[in-house]
Amino acid sequence: MTNFSRRSFALGAAALPLAACGNGIGGSGAAMIDARVAETLNFLYANYPGMQDLADRSAGQLVMPLVSEIGLGFGASFGRGALRVGDSSVDYYSAASASAGLQIGAQQFSHVLFFMTSDALMDFRTSDGWAAGADLEYAIAEQGEVLRADTTTSLSPVVALVFGQAGLRIGATLEGTKYTRIIP
C-alpha cells in the first residue's frame, strides 16, 4: 500500500511547475531564439536594404524577433532575443517594460538595437540590467516602408529600429524597456 504524506505531496506540487518548464539545461531555447533572430534579420535586410549598412558599421546588434505588448490603462511588454557580434550570438536577453496611462490595445513588433560604438556595446554587456533611455536614437520610417538612419542617428551610440508592427495599439516605443541577460 502506498502511503502519501503531506511532505511528499508538497514536494511533488512544488516540482510540477519546474518539470513543466521547457527551457532546461540542454534544451532547445538558444537554437529557437537563434532561428528567430536569423529570420528577423533576413526580413529586415530584404525589406529595408539600407539597414545592412548600419549593421555593418555597428559593433553589435541586439535582435528581439518578437515583442508582445498589451495595454488597458496599465501596459506591459515582453520578448526574448540574442546579442550578435559579427555573425554569432554571444548572449541572450529578455526585454520587459511596464507603462501606465491612456492606452488600449495589443500589438507585436520586432526591434533591433544597433550598438554603434564598442563602448556602448561594452556598457550594455557589463550592466546587470540595461534600460533603454536618453542615449537611444531611432531610425525612422520615411515615405511608407523606407527606413533611414540619418547622419545624426548614425553617430549615436545606440540606434533602435522598431519594425513589423501588427496589432491595434498606438505607438511602439522602447523607452523604459529593461534588458536582462538570460540563459535559454
Protein backbone atom coordinates (compact mmCIF):
# COMPACT_ATOMS: atom_id res chain seq x y z
CA MET A 1 0.00 0.00 0.00
CA THR A 2 1.35 3.43 -0.96
CA ASN A 3 1.34 5.99 1.81
CA PHE A 4 1.47 9.69 0.77
CA SER A 5 2.43 12.23 3.40
CA ARG A 6 1.81 15.95 3.29
CA ARG A 7 5.55 16.44 2.79
CA SER A 8 5.70 14.25 -0.34
CA PHE A 9 2.57 15.94 -1.67
CA ALA A 10 4.10 19.40 -1.11
CA LEU A 11 7.39 18.39 -2.75
CA GLY A 12 5.54 16.93 -5.72
CA ALA A 13 3.39 20.04 -6.08
CA ALA A 14 6.47 22.28 -5.91
CA ALA A 15 8.31 20.23 -8.54
CA LEU A 16 5.43 20.25 -11.04
CA PRO A 17 5.99 23.82 -12.32
CA LEU A 18 9.71 23.13 -12.71
CA ALA A 19 9.01 19.95 -14.66
CA ALA A 20 6.73 21.91 -16.99
CA CYS A 21 9.48 24.39 -17.82
CA GLY A 22 10.74 23.66 -21.32
CA ASN A 23 13.94 25.68 -21.07
CA GLY A 24 16.13 23.40 -19.04
CA ILE A 25 19.84 22.79 -19.46
CA GLY A 26 20.41 21.18 -22.83
CA GLY A 27 17.04 22.46 -24.07
CA SER A 28 16.46 23.97 -27.48
CA GLY A 29 15.82 27.51 -26.21
CA ALA A 30 19.00 29.01 -27.67
CA ALA A 31 18.52 27.26 -31.01
CA MET A 32 14.94 28.52 -31.23
CA ILE A 33 15.96 32.10 -30.43
CA ASP A 34 18.83 31.93 -32.96
CA ALA A 35 16.45 30.67 -35.68
CA ARG A 36 14.01 33.51 -34.99
CA VAL A 37 16.84 36.05 -34.95
CA ALA A 38 18.08 34.80 -38.35
CA GLU A 39 14.55 35.03 -39.81
CA THR A 40 14.14 38.55 -38.41
CA LEU A 41 17.44 39.76 -39.84
CA ASN A 42 16.66 38.20 -43.24
CA PHE A 43 13.30 40.01 -43.25
CA LEU A 44 14.91 43.28 -42.14
CA TYR A 45 17.64 43.29 -44.80
CA ALA A 46 15.28 42.12 -47.57
CA ASN A 47 12.67 44.79 -46.82
CA TYR A 48 14.93 47.63 -45.63
CA PRO A 49 18.24 47.22 -47.54
CA GLY A 50 19.72 50.40 -46.04
CA MET A 51 19.85 48.74 -42.64
CA GLN A 52 22.56 46.33 -43.82
CA ASP A 53 24.99 49.27 -43.99
CA LEU A 54 24.06 50.30 -40.45
CA ALA A 55 24.61 46.72 -39.25
CA ASP A 56 27.99 46.55 -41.00
CA ARG A 57 29.13 49.72 -39.19
CA SER A 58 27.86 48.60 -35.77
CA ALA A 59 29.88 46.85 -33.06
CA GLY A 60 26.95 44.52 -32.37
CA GLN A 61 23.17 44.18 -32.57
CA LEU A 62 20.56 43.09 -30.05
CA VAL A 63 17.80 41.45 -32.07
CA MET A 64 14.37 40.96 -30.50
CA PRO A 65 12.40 38.96 -33.06
CA LEU A 66 9.02 39.25 -31.33
CA VAL A 67 7.93 41.60 -28.59
CA SER A 68 4.32 41.32 -27.43
CA GLU A 69 2.75 44.41 -25.89
CA ILE A 70 -0.67 44.87 -24.31
CA GLY A 71 -2.28 47.80 -22.58
CA LEU A 72 -5.55 48.79 -20.97
CA GLY A 73 -4.71 51.68 -18.67
CA PHE A 74 -1.69 49.71 -17.50
CA GLY A 75 0.51 48.07 -20.09
CA ALA A 76 3.32 45.58 -20.34
CA SER A 77 5.56 44.06 -22.98
CA PHE A 78 7.92 41.11 -23.15
CA GLY A 79 10.24 39.50 -25.67
CA ARG A 80 13.42 37.41 -25.94
CA GLY A 81 16.32 37.75 -28.33
CA ALA A 82 20.04 37.49 -28.91
CA LEU A 83 23.02 39.81 -28.88
CA ARG A 84 25.01 39.28 -32.04
CA VAL A 85 28.60 40.33 -32.61
CA GLY A 86 29.60 39.64 -36.17
CA ASP A 87 27.54 36.66 -37.30
CA SER A 88 27.44 34.93 -33.90
CA SER A 89 25.08 35.10 -30.94
CA VAL A 90 27.17 35.87 -27.86
CA ASP A 91 24.42 36.33 -25.23
CA TYR A 92 20.66 36.04 -24.87
CA TYR A 93 18.37 38.68 -23.37
CA SER A 94 14.81 39.31 -22.37
CA ALA A 95 13.16 42.70 -22.80
CA ALA A 96 10.38 43.77 -20.44
CA SER A 97 8.56 47.01 -19.80
CA ALA A 98 5.57 48.35 -17.94
CA SER A 99 3.59 51.51 -18.54
CA ALA A 100 0.56 53.39 -17.28
CA GLY A 101 -1.63 56.00 -18.93
CA LEU A 102 -4.22 56.38 -21.63
CA GLN A 103 -3.68 53.24 -23.66
CA ILE A 104 -5.68 50.39 -25.04
CA GLY A 105 -4.89 47.54 -27.37
CA ALA A 106 -2.29 44.93 -28.14
CA GLN A 107 0.46 44.60 -30.69
CA GLN A 108 3.53 42.65 -31.60
CA PHE A 109 6.66 44.01 -33.21
CA SER A 110 10.33 43.31 -33.81
CA HIS A 111 13.20 45.55 -32.88
CA VAL A 112 16.94 45.73 -33.25
CA LEU A 113 19.35 47.82 -31.22
CA PHE A 114 22.48 48.69 -33.17
CA PHE A 115 25.43 49.42 -30.87
CA MET A 116 27.44 51.88 -32.93
CA THR A 117 30.48 52.06 -30.63
CA SER A 118 32.48 49.44 -28.79
CA ASP A 119 31.98 51.42 -25.57
CA ALA A 120 28.19 51.32 -25.93
CA LEU A 121 28.34 47.57 -26.55
CA MET A 122 30.63 47.03 -23.56
CA ASP A 123 28.39 49.14 -21.30
CA PHE A 124 25.42 47.03 -22.34
CA ARG A 125 27.20 43.71 -21.81
CA THR A 126 28.66 44.58 -18.41
CA SER A 127 25.50 46.02 -16.87
CA ASP A 128 23.26 43.99 -14.56
CA GLY A 129 20.23 45.16 -16.49
CA TRP A 130 20.21 47.85 -19.12
CA ALA A 131 17.27 50.21 -19.57
CA ALA A 132 16.71 51.97 -22.86
CA GLY A 133 16.77 55.70 -22.26
CA ALA A 134 18.09 59.06 -23.35
CA ASP A 135 21.10 57.75 -25.29
CA LEU A 136 18.83 55.87 -27.68
CA GLU A 137 18.10 57.24 -31.16
CA TYR A 138 15.51 55.83 -33.55
CA ALA A 139 15.86 55.04 -37.22
CA ILE A 140 12.59 56.36 -38.64
CA ALA A 141 10.16 55.47 -41.39
CA GLU A 142 10.21 57.84 -44.34
CA GLN A 143 7.71 57.59 -47.19
CA GLY A 144 5.92 54.49 -46.00
CA GLU A 145 8.18 51.49 -45.83
CA VAL A 146 11.59 53.08 -46.43
CA LEU A 147 13.65 53.29 -43.24
CA ARG A 148 16.54 55.66 -42.93
CA ALA A 149 19.19 56.41 -40.39
CA ASP A 150 20.49 59.92 -40.99
CA THR A 151 23.95 61.17 -40.06
CA THR A 152 22.78 62.33 -36.60
CA THR A 153 21.29 58.94 -35.87
CA SER A 154 24.31 57.10 -37.25
CA LEU A 155 26.61 58.99 -34.85
CA SER A 156 24.55 57.99 -31.79
CA PRO A 157 25.95 55.28 -29.52
CA VAL A 158 22.79 53.14 -29.85
CA VAL A 159 20.27 53.18 -32.70
CA ALA A 160 16.89 51.49 -32.24
CA LEU A 161 14.82 50.19 -35.11
CA VAL A 162 11.22 49.12 -34.48
CA PHE A 163 9.52 47.35 -37.39
CA GLY A 164 7.00 44.69 -38.35
CA GLN A 165 4.24 46.06 -36.11
CA ALA A 166 0.99 44.09 -36.10
CA GLY A 167 -2.00 44.76 -33.91
CA LEU A 168 -4.21 47.56 -32.70
CA ARG A 169 -2.20 49.71 -30.32
CA ILE A 170 -0.93 53.21 -30.94
CA GLY A 171 2.84 53.52 -30.96
CA ALA A 172 5.73 51.21 -30.28
CA THR A 173 8.44 52.60 -28.08
CA LEU A 174 11.42 51.12 -26.30
CA GLU A 175 11.68 53.95 -23.77
CA GLY A 176 11.76 52.36 -20.33
CA THR A 177 12.40 48.84 -21.59
CA LYS A 178 14.73 46.80 -19.39
CA TYR A 179 17.02 44.23 -20.97
CA THR A 180 18.23 41.36 -18.82
CA ARG A 181 20.69 38.59 -19.72
CA ILE A 182 19.06 35.15 -19.71
CA ILE A 183 20.18 31.56 -20.09
CA PRO A 184 17.78 29.95 -22.59
